[in-house]
């Protein structure tokens, strides 16, 4: 029996498990035509232990493709039909995991480093050795989810929950699938049940936080500021530099802009954690070294970035984080209400980058509990956006063309009113983080 992998896999790699009944039917489906699957299940249920062992041995010789087809066929079977079949004998259940455990562990190790293909092969090998290895089936299910076969995953998780209503990993999978299809009621139901079983379950807290910031706040260590100023990146003349073991080295940006939504979706319909993890891996594989975001994303993005960078220090992605803003009413950037909102957004960005933000839900904005600290991989902030020239000219006219700014960290000699205001905004975020 393996414990839930929720903590090991953080927000992205949660697994699920099913009971021996369904797995037995799947094993037989791999060595029998799909049309005779249920007959094979019934035969298996009535077979003596010796015959069961023989079928398991035959399964070990079956091609991996047959196993994949069997999983798909089994997922289409009615839940009642699968759960009505008696389970495999205890003798077979005890023998199986010992035979397939190494392959299952190899699959999880590969999956945790985003090597999905190797994970799939390892999980299929484990299932070929032991069709009753629920640990391996858990992994293969999330491989399927990563591939975008959500309907298959939902059917499998539904069987798993029917067999064990306390299966946290299967409930989590159903919650993720509900989020993907926009079923808010199902998200609340599934993840609510997960929190009943595991009150500190990170993924359940994240997704419930996307629809309403409820549930217990995460416990964070007290904030302790360093004695001296620490920063992982800097500018030097016309280039960026990053701090490494040997000191400061030049850093040439090869970046990817990451928008806030999937194609065909509204900007506030953010991707889920699995999608973020896939994107981040793809960026690194194309040899990008920076990801630039325009605005705040859900907690899953920062967790996925943290997990990738922690596991792949030689292929880390640095973060350039924007602070989004619309144009101010009447082009008055210095208006009190506009500054309060814009400067507040800057503080939220700093807090969440350090994993210390609880962002309340707002229409059109990401929200949730942010606990992943990605500050050590943050290269720069972008304050605002591409400001339209007509608005900057109008603001300069309002302020009579007065420029110049002299702050604690930044100074502008001359310039116009927009230059001075941008310097003050930048001073605000630097002072807050410092």
Protein backbone atom coordinates (compact mmCIF):
# COMPACT_ATOMS: atom_id res chain seq x y z
CA UNK A 1 0.00 0.00 0.00
CA UNK A 2 1.43 3.35 -1.02
CA UNK A 3 0.53 6.61 0.66
CA UNK A 4 -0.96 9.48 -1.31
CA UNK A 5 1.64 11.20 -3.45
CA UNK A 6 0.01 14.60 -2.98
CA UNK A 7 2.83 16.06 -0.91
CA UNK A 8 5.61 14.58 -3.02
CA UNK A 9 4.07 15.84 -6.24
CA UNK A 10 2.89 19.18 -4.88
CA UNK A 11 0.12 20.87 -6.89
CA UNK A 12 0.74 19.33 -10.26
CA UNK A 13 1.50 15.64 -10.05
CA UNK A 14 -1.24 14.23 -7.83
CA UNK A 15 -2.02 10.57 -8.46
CA UNK A 16 -5.05 8.34 -8.02
CA UNK A 17 -5.71 4.69 -7.26
CA UNK A 18 -8.38 2.10 -8.06
CA UNK A 19 -9.30 -1.19 -6.42
CA UNK A 20 -8.57 -4.73 -7.51
CA UNK A 21 -11.94 -5.27 -9.16
CA UNK A 22 -11.48 -2.86 -12.01
CA UNK A 23 -7.80 -3.65 -12.45
CA UNK A 24 -8.57 -7.33 -12.81
CA UNK A 25 -10.98 -6.63 -15.63
CA UNK A 26 -8.39 -4.44 -17.32
CA UNK A 27 -5.77 -7.18 -17.19
CA UNK A 28 -8.05 -9.63 -18.92
CA UNK A 29 -9.06 -7.08 -21.51
CA UNK A 30 -5.42 -6.81 -22.49
CA UNK A 31 -5.27 -10.46 -23.48
CA UNK A 32 -8.84 -10.75 -24.78
CA UNK A 33 -10.67 -8.83 -27.54
CA UNK A 34 -12.42 -5.69 -26.32
CA UNK A 35 -15.86 -7.09 -27.21
CA UNK A 36 -15.36 -10.00 -24.81
CA UNK A 37 -13.99 -7.89 -21.97
CA UNK A 38 -16.91 -8.24 -19.58
CA UNK A 39 -17.13 -11.97 -20.22
CA UNK A 40 -13.43 -12.19 -19.38
CA UNK A 41 -14.03 -10.26 -16.18
CA UNK A 42 -16.78 -12.67 -15.17
CA UNK A 43 -14.58 -15.64 -15.98
CA UNK A 44 -11.77 -14.15 -13.95
CA UNK A 45 -14.01 -13.69 -10.96
CA UNK A 46 -14.97 -17.37 -11.02
CA UNK A 47 -11.47 -18.69 -11.70
CA UNK A 48 -9.44 -20.41 -8.99
CA UNK A 49 -6.27 -18.78 -7.70
CA UNK A 50 -4.04 -20.89 -9.93
CA UNK A 51 -5.91 -19.77 -13.03
CA UNK A 52 -5.74 -16.18 -11.86
CA UNK A 53 -1.99 -16.42 -11.51
CA UNK A 54 -1.75 -17.88 -15.01
CA UNK A 55 -3.70 -14.98 -16.45
CA UNK A 56 -1.44 -12.50 -14.66
CA UNK A 57 1.57 -14.29 -16.10
CA UNK A 58 0.07 -14.09 -19.59
CA UNK A 59 -0.53 -10.40 -19.07
CA UNK A 60 3.17 -9.86 -18.41
CA UNK A 61 3.88 -10.96 -21.97
CA UNK A 62 1.29 -8.69 -23.55
CA UNK A 63 2.47 -5.67 -25.56
CA UNK A 64 2.29 -2.29 -23.85
CA UNK A 65 -0.11 -1.09 -26.55
CA UNK A 66 -2.56 -3.77 -25.51
CA UNK A 67 -2.51 -2.45 -21.98
CA UNK A 68 -3.29 1.06 -23.15
CA UNK A 69 -6.17 -0.21 -25.25
CA UNK A 70 -7.40 -2.22 -22.28
CA UNK A 71 -7.41 0.83 -20.04
CA UNK A 72 -9.47 2.70 -22.60
CA UNK A 73 -11.89 -0.19 -23.00
CA UNK A 74 -12.27 -0.64 -19.27
CA UNK A 75 -13.00 3.04 -18.76
CA UNK A 76 -16.01 2.75 -21.05
CA UNK A 77 -17.59 -0.03 -18.98
CA UNK A 78 -20.46 0.90 -16.66
CA UNK A 79 -19.41 1.51 -13.08
CA UNK A 80 -22.02 -0.90 -11.73
CA UNK A 81 -20.77 -3.70 -13.98
CA UNK A 82 -17.19 -3.31 -12.80
CA UNK A 83 -17.90 -2.93 -9.12
CA UNK A 84 -20.22 -5.96 -9.10
CA UNK A 85 -17.38 -8.36 -9.97
CA UNK A 86 -15.63 -10.03 -7.00
CA UNK A 87 -12.07 -8.90 -6.37
CA UNK A 88 -8.93 -10.81 -7.26
CA UNK A 89 -7.75 -13.22 -4.60
CA UNK A 90 -5.68 -11.85 -1.74
CA UNK A 91 -2.83 -14.15 -2.74
CA UNK A 92 -2.62 -12.57 -6.20
CA UNK A 93 -2.94 -9.06 -4.76
CA UNK A 94 -0.05 -9.66 -2.37
CA UNK A 95 2.22 -11.10 -5.06
CA UNK A 96 1.54 -8.44 -7.66
CA UNK A 97 2.93 -5.20 -6.22
CA UNK A 98 6.22 -6.87 -5.36
CA UNK A 99 6.67 -7.83 -9.01
CA UNK A 100 5.85 -4.41 -10.43
CA UNK A 101 6.93 -2.01 -7.71
CA UNK A 102 10.25 -1.03 -9.28
CA UNK A 103 8.61 -0.05 -12.58
CA UNK A 104 5.92 1.92 -10.78
CA UNK A 105 8.48 3.83 -8.74
CA UNK A 106 10.47 4.53 -11.90
CA UNK A 107 7.32 5.88 -13.51
CA UNK A 108 6.63 8.28 -10.67
CA UNK A 109 10.26 9.42 -10.62
CA UNK A 110 10.09 10.17 -14.35
CA UNK A 111 6.74 11.92 -14.03
CA UNK A 112 8.00 14.17 -11.24
CA UNK A 113 10.70 15.48 -13.60
CA UNK A 114 8.24 15.98 -16.48
CA UNK A 115 9.57 13.03 -18.49
CA UNK A 116 6.05 11.95 -19.41
CA UNK A 117 6.97 9.43 -22.11
CA UNK A 118 9.35 7.52 -19.87
CA UNK A 119 6.74 7.63 -17.13
CA UNK A 120 4.15 6.14 -19.45
CA UNK A 121 6.44 3.29 -20.48
CA UNK A 122 7.33 2.52 -16.87
CA UNK A 123 3.72 2.53 -15.71
CA UNK A 124 2.66 0.30 -18.60
CA UNK A 125 5.50 -2.08 -17.81
CA UNK A 126 4.36 -2.22 -14.19
CA UNK A 127 0.81 -2.95 -15.24
CA UNK A 128 1.98 -5.62 -17.66
CA UNK A 129 3.67 -7.35 -14.75
CA UNK A 130 0.82 -6.76 -12.36
CA UNK A 131 -2.60 -5.60 -13.57
CA UNK A 132 -3.62 -5.14 -9.93
CA UNK A 133 -0.93 -2.50 -9.24
CA UNK A 134 -3.09 0.49 -8.36
CA UNK A 135 -0.02 2.62 -7.71
CA UNK A 136 1.04 2.26 -11.35
CA UNK A 137 -2.50 2.81 -12.63
CA UNK A 138 -2.57 6.02 -10.65
CA UNK A 139 0.44 7.26 -12.55
CA UNK A 140 -0.82 6.12 -15.92
CA UNK A 141 -4.04 7.99 -15.30
CA UNK A 142 -2.23 11.25 -14.81
CA UNK A 143 -0.13 10.58 -17.87
CA UNK A 144 -3.45 10.38 -19.72
CA UNK A 145 -4.58 13.64 -18.13
CA UNK A 146 -1.38 15.33 -19.27
CA UNK A 147 -2.12 14.11 -22.79
CA UNK A 148 -5.49 15.84 -22.68
CA UNK A 149 -7.68 12.71 -22.62
CA UNK A 150 -9.88 14.13 -19.86
CA UNK A 151 -12.92 11.98 -20.63
CA UNK A 152 -10.89 8.80 -20.12
CA UNK A 153 -9.53 10.13 -16.85
CA UNK A 154 -13.00 11.06 -15.60
CA UNK A 155 -14.35 7.59 -16.30
CA UNK A 156 -11.47 5.94 -14.49
CA UNK A 157 -11.72 8.28 -11.49
CA UNK A 158 -15.47 7.70 -11.31
CA UNK A 159 -14.85 3.95 -11.01
CA UNK A 160 -12.20 4.58 -8.37
CA UNK A 161 -14.47 6.76 -6.23
CA UNK A 162 -17.32 4.25 -6.58
CA UNK A 163 -14.98 1.59 -5.18
CA UNK A 164 -13.49 3.83 -2.46
CA UNK A 165 -15.34 7.08 -1.62
CA UNK A 166 -12.31 8.21 0.41
CA UNK A 167 -9.87 8.01 -2.51
CA UNK A 168 -8.37 11.49 -2.25
CA UNK A 169 -6.36 11.26 -5.46
CA UNK A 170 -9.35 10.19 -7.55
CA UNK A 171 -11.49 12.96 -6.03
CA UNK A 172 -8.72 15.42 -6.82
CA UNK A 173 -8.64 14.26 -10.42
CA UNK A 174 -12.40 14.70 -10.73
CA UNK A 175 -12.05 18.20 -9.31
CA UNK A 176 -9.37 19.09 -11.84
CA UNK A 177 -11.49 17.77 -14.68
CA UNK A 178 -14.49 19.74 -13.42
CA UNK A 179 -12.40 22.91 -13.42
CA UNK A 180 -11.33 22.30 -16.99
CA UNK A 181 -14.89 22.03 -18.21
CA UNK A 182 -16.07 24.99 -16.12
CA UNK A 183 -18.35 23.06 -13.76
CA UNK A 184 -18.05 25.24 -10.65
CA UNK A 185 -20.55 23.18 -8.63
CA UNK A 186 -18.56 19.99 -9.23
CA UNK A 187 -15.30 21.78 -8.39
CA UNK A 188 -16.77 22.82 -5.05
CA UNK A 189 -18.19 19.36 -4.38
CA UNK A 190 -15.10 17.35 -5.27
CA UNK A 191 -12.49 19.55 -3.64
CA UNK A 192 -14.74 20.14 -0.65
CA UNK A 193 -14.74 16.40 -0.09
CA UNK A 194 -10.96 16.31 -0.46
CA UNK A 195 -10.59 18.91 2.30
CA UNK A 196 -12.82 16.85 4.56
CA UNK A 197 -10.33 14.01 4.19
CA UNK A 198 -7.13 16.10 4.09
CA UNK A 199 -7.68 19.64 5.42
CA UNK A 200 -4.28 20.90 4.19
CA UNK A 201 -4.52 19.47 0.66
CA UNK A 202 -2.73 22.07 -1.47
CA UNK A 203 -4.49 21.47 -4.78
CA UNK A 204 -7.95 21.50 -3.22
CA UNK A 205 -7.15 24.77 -1.47
CA UNK A 206 -5.84 26.26 -4.71
CA UNK A 207 -8.87 25.43 -6.83
CA UNK A 208 -11.44 26.30 -4.22
CA UNK A 209 -9.57 29.56 -3.86
CA UNK A 210 -10.13 30.24 -7.54
CA UNK A 211 -13.90 30.25 -7.09
CA UNK A 212 -13.97 31.73 -3.60
CA UNK A 213 -11.19 32.28 -1.14
CA UNK A 214 -12.40 29.85 1.48
CA UNK A 215 -10.85 27.21 3.65
CA UNK A 216 -8.03 27.61 6.13
CA UNK A 217 -5.24 29.99 5.26
CA UNK A 218 -1.91 28.29 4.62
CA UNK A 219 0.54 28.31 7.48
CA UNK A 220 3.62 30.28 6.48
CA UNK A 221 6.84 30.71 8.38
CA UNK A 222 7.31 34.18 9.90
CA UNK A 223 8.84 36.71 7.52
CA UNK A 224 12.50 37.24 8.38
CA UNK A 225 14.33 39.91 6.42
CA UNK A 226 18.05 39.38 5.72
CA UNK A 227 20.61 41.56 7.42
CA UNK A 228 21.97 42.72 4.06
CA UNK A 229 20.36 43.43 0.72
CA UNK A 230 20.07 40.29 -1.42
CA UNK A 231 19.23 40.20 -5.12
CA UNK A 232 19.71 37.40 -7.66
CA UNK A 233 19.88 39.61 -10.78
CA UNK A 234 20.98 43.10 -11.74
CA UNK A 235 21.63 45.38 -14.68
CA UNK A 236 25.13 46.43 -15.66
CA UNK A 237 25.37 49.08 -18.36
CA UNK A 238 23.26 47.70 -21.22
CA UNK A 239 22.94 44.09 -20.07
CA UNK A 240 21.47 41.86 -17.39
CA UNK A 241 23.66 39.87 -15.02
CA UNK A 242 22.73 36.99 -12.72
CA UNK A 243 24.51 35.78 -9.64
CA UNK A 244 26.03 32.31 -9.82
CA UNK A 245 28.50 30.27 -7.77
CA UNK A 246 31.36 32.15 -9.41
CA UNK A 247 29.87 35.62 -9.04
CA UNK A 248 28.01 37.83 -11.53
CA UNK A 249 27.79 36.62 -15.13
CA UNK A 250 26.19 38.22 -18.22
CA UNK A 251 22.69 36.97 -18.99
CA UNK A 252 21.26 37.02 -22.51
CA UNK A 253 17.49 36.83 -22.48
CA UNK A 254 15.80 34.19 -24.63
CA UNK A 255 12.24 34.72 -23.51
CA UNK A 256 8.68 33.59 -24.06
CA UNK A 257 5.63 35.80 -23.48
CA UNK A 258 2.93 33.91 -21.59
CA UNK A 259 -0.61 35.20 -21.98
CA UNK A 260 -3.38 34.74 -19.46
CA UNK A 261 -5.68 32.32 -21.29
CA UNK A 262 -5.90 29.41 -23.67
CA UNK A 263 -6.82 30.14 -27.30
CA UNK A 264 -10.55 30.67 -27.66
CA UNK A 265 -11.01 31.40 -23.96
CA UNK A 266 -11.55 34.65 -22.09
CA UNK A 267 -8.45 36.21 -20.45
CA UNK A 268 -9.80 35.36 -17.00
CA UNK A 269 -10.25 31.66 -17.88
CA UNK A 270 -6.81 30.65 -16.72
CA UNK A 271 -5.17 27.29 -17.50
CA UNK A 272 -4.87 24.65 -14.78
CA UNK A 273 -1.72 23.49 -13.03
CA UNK A 274 -1.14 20.57 -15.40
CA UNK A 275 -1.21 22.88 -18.41
CA UNK A 276 1.17 25.35 -16.78
CA UNK A 277 3.61 22.53 -16.02
CA UNK A 278 3.49 21.33 -19.63
CA UNK A 279 4.07 24.84 -20.97
CA UNK A 280 7.01 25.50 -18.65
CA UNK A 281 8.65 22.26 -19.63
CA UNK A 282 8.15 23.08 -23.34
CA UNK A 283 9.73 26.52 -22.86
CA UNK A 284 12.79 24.99 -21.24
CA UNK A 285 13.06 22.32 -23.94
CA UNK A 286 13.15 24.99 -26.64
CA UNK A 287 16.09 26.54 -24.73
CA UNK A 288 14.24 29.60 -23.48
CA UNK A 289 15.60 30.96 -20.22
CA UNK A 290 12.93 33.57 -19.35
CA UNK A 291 9.15 33.58 -19.14
CA UNK A 292 7.41 36.95 -19.16
CA UNK A 293 3.88 37.35 -17.78
CA UNK A 294 1.81 40.49 -18.18
CA UNK A 295 -0.29 40.10 -15.08
CA UNK A 296 -0.95 37.92 -12.04
CA UNK A 297 -1.65 34.26 -12.82
CA UNK A 298 -3.26 31.65 -10.55
CA UNK A 299 -1.13 29.99 -7.84
CA UNK A 300 -0.65 26.94 -10.05
CA UNK A 301 1.61 28.88 -12.41
CA UNK A 302 4.04 29.91 -9.68
CA UNK A 303 4.01 26.45 -8.14
CA UNK A 304 4.75 24.85 -11.51
CA UNK A 305 7.58 27.32 -12.15
CA UNK A 306 9.01 26.69 -8.69
CA UNK A 307 8.82 22.93 -9.08
CA UNK A 308 10.47 22.96 -12.50
CA UNK A 309 13.31 25.25 -11.44
CA UNK A 310 13.95 23.36 -8.20
CA UNK A 311 14.16 20.07 -10.10
CA UNK A 312 16.14 21.45 -13.06
CA UNK A 313 18.69 23.99 -11.79
CA UNK A 314 20.67 23.76 -15.02
CA UNK A 315 17.59 24.69 -17.11
CA UNK A 316 15.86 27.19 -14.85
CA UNK A 317 13.40 29.69 -16.27
CA UNK A 318 13.77 33.22 -14.94
CA UNK A 319 10.65 35.31 -14.43
CA UNK A 320 9.89 38.78 -15.74
CA UNK A 321 6.65 39.81 -14.07
CA UNK A 322 4.37 42.58 -15.24
CA UNK A 323 2.07 44.78 -13.19
CA UNK A 324 -0.97 45.31 -15.39
CA UNK A 325 -2.84 48.59 -15.55
CA UNK A 326 -5.47 50.25 -17.69
CA UNK A 327 -5.26 53.88 -18.70
CA UNK A 328 -6.44 56.25 -15.96
CA UNK A 329 -9.62 58.33 -16.25
CA UNK A 330 -8.88 61.67 -17.92
CA UNK A 331 -5.25 60.51 -18.36
CA UNK A 332 -4.37 61.54 -14.80
CA UNK A 333 -1.88 58.89 -13.70
CA UNK A 334 -1.29 60.70 -10.40
CA UNK A 335 -4.97 60.66 -9.36
CA UNK A 336 -5.33 59.25 -5.84
CA UNK A 337 -7.80 56.48 -6.71
CA UNK A 338 -5.80 55.33 -9.73
CA UNK A 339 -2.53 55.27 -7.81
CA UNK A 340 -4.11 53.37 -4.93
CA UNK A 341 -5.24 50.58 -7.24
CA UNK A 342 -2.06 50.47 -9.33
CA UNK A 343 0.35 50.63 -6.39
CA UNK A 344 -1.75 48.03 -4.58
CA UNK A 345 -1.36 45.70 -7.56
CA UNK A 346 2.41 46.19 -7.39
CA UNK A 347 2.41 45.13 -3.75
CA UNK A 348 0.31 42.07 -4.59
CA UNK A 349 2.83 41.04 -7.26
CA UNK A 350 5.73 41.34 -4.83
CA UNK A 351 3.90 39.39 -2.14
CA UNK A 352 2.92 36.50 -4.41
CA UNK A 353 6.38 36.22 -5.95
CA UNK A 354 7.63 35.63 -2.41
CA UNK A 355 4.83 33.11 -1.76
CA UNK A 356 3.13 35.32 0.80
CA UNK A 357 -0.09 36.50 -0.85
CA UNK A 358 -3.74 35.71 -0.19
CA UNK A 359 -5.46 37.33 -3.15
CA UNK A 360 -9.22 37.69 -2.87
CA UNK A 361 -11.30 36.74 -5.92
CA UNK A 362 -12.13 39.61 -8.26
CA UNK A 363 -13.94 39.38 -11.59
CA UNK A 364 -11.43 38.99 -14.40
CA UNK A 365 -8.46 38.42 -12.07
CA UNK A 366 -6.55 35.45 -10.70
CA UNK A 367 -6.87 34.75 -7.01
CA UNK A 368 -6.06 32.23 -4.33
CA UNK A 369 -3.44 31.34 -1.76
CA UNK A 370 0.06 31.89 -3.12
CA UNK A 371 2.70 29.86 -1.30
CA UNK A 372 5.42 29.15 -3.91
CA UNK A 373 8.41 31.47 -3.44
CA UNK A 374 9.92 32.19 -6.89
CA UNK A 375 11.77 35.36 -5.87
CA UNK A 376 15.19 33.76 -6.37
CA UNK A 377 14.35 33.30 -10.08
CA UNK A 378 12.80 36.75 -10.62
CA UNK A 379 14.81 38.75 -13.13
CA UNK A 380 12.76 41.95 -13.41
CA UNK A 381 9.41 43.69 -13.03
CA UNK A 382 7.61 45.50 -15.81
CA UNK A 383 5.66 48.40 -14.36
CA UNK A 384 2.49 48.97 -16.32
CA UNK A 385 2.31 48.28 -20.02
CA UNK A 386 2.97 49.94 -23.37
CA UNK A 387 1.59 53.35 -22.42
CA UNK A 388 -0.19 55.03 -25.35
CA UNK A 389 1.57 58.22 -26.44
CA UNK A 390 -1.62 60.30 -26.49
CA UNK A 391 -2.23 59.51 -22.81
CA UNK A 392 1.34 60.31 -21.79
CA UNK A 393 1.19 63.61 -23.67
CA UNK A 394 -2.13 64.46 -22.02
CA UNK A 395 -0.72 63.72 -18.55
CA UNK A 396 2.31 65.88 -19.25
CA UNK A 397 -0.05 68.68 -20.19
CA UNK A 398 -2.00 68.27 -16.93
CA UNK A 399 1.19 68.55 -14.89
CA UNK A 400 2.57 71.46 -16.87
CA UNK A 401 5.50 69.46 -18.22
CA UNK A 402 7.17 69.21 -14.83
CA UNK A 403 9.71 66.38 -14.67
CA UNK A 404 12.43 65.13 -12.38
CA UNK A 405 12.33 62.73 -9.44
CA UNK A 406 14.73 62.23 -6.54
CA UNK A 407 13.95 59.16 -4.42
CA UNK A 408 15.86 56.88 -2.10
CA UNK A 409 16.56 54.28 -4.79
CA UNK A 410 15.88 56.02 -8.10
CA UNK A 411 16.56 59.46 -9.53
CA UNK A 412 15.51 61.14 -12.76
CA UNK A 413 17.08 64.41 -13.85
CA UNK A 414 14.84 66.38 -16.16
CA UNK A 415 12.44 64.46 -18.34
CA UNK A 416 8.71 65.05 -18.46
CA UNK A 417 5.84 64.38 -16.10
CA UNK A 418 5.36 60.79 -17.29
CA UNK A 419 9.06 60.06 -16.72
CA UNK A 420 8.80 61.42 -13.19
CA UNK A 421 5.64 59.46 -12.41
CA UNK A 422 7.11 56.20 -13.73
CA UNK A 423 10.18 56.75 -11.57
CA UNK A 424 7.95 57.24 -8.53
CA UNK A 425 5.99 54.09 -9.34
CA UNK A 426 9.22 52.12 -9.72
CA UNK A 427 10.52 53.57 -6.46
CA UNK A 428 7.36 52.32 -4.76
CA UNK A 429 7.83 48.69 -5.79
CA UNK A 430 11.55 48.71 -5.03
CA UNK A 431 10.97 50.20 -1.58
CA UNK A 432 8.20 47.73 -0.80
CA UNK A 433 10.26 44.68 -1.71
CA UNK A 434 13.35 46.02 0.04
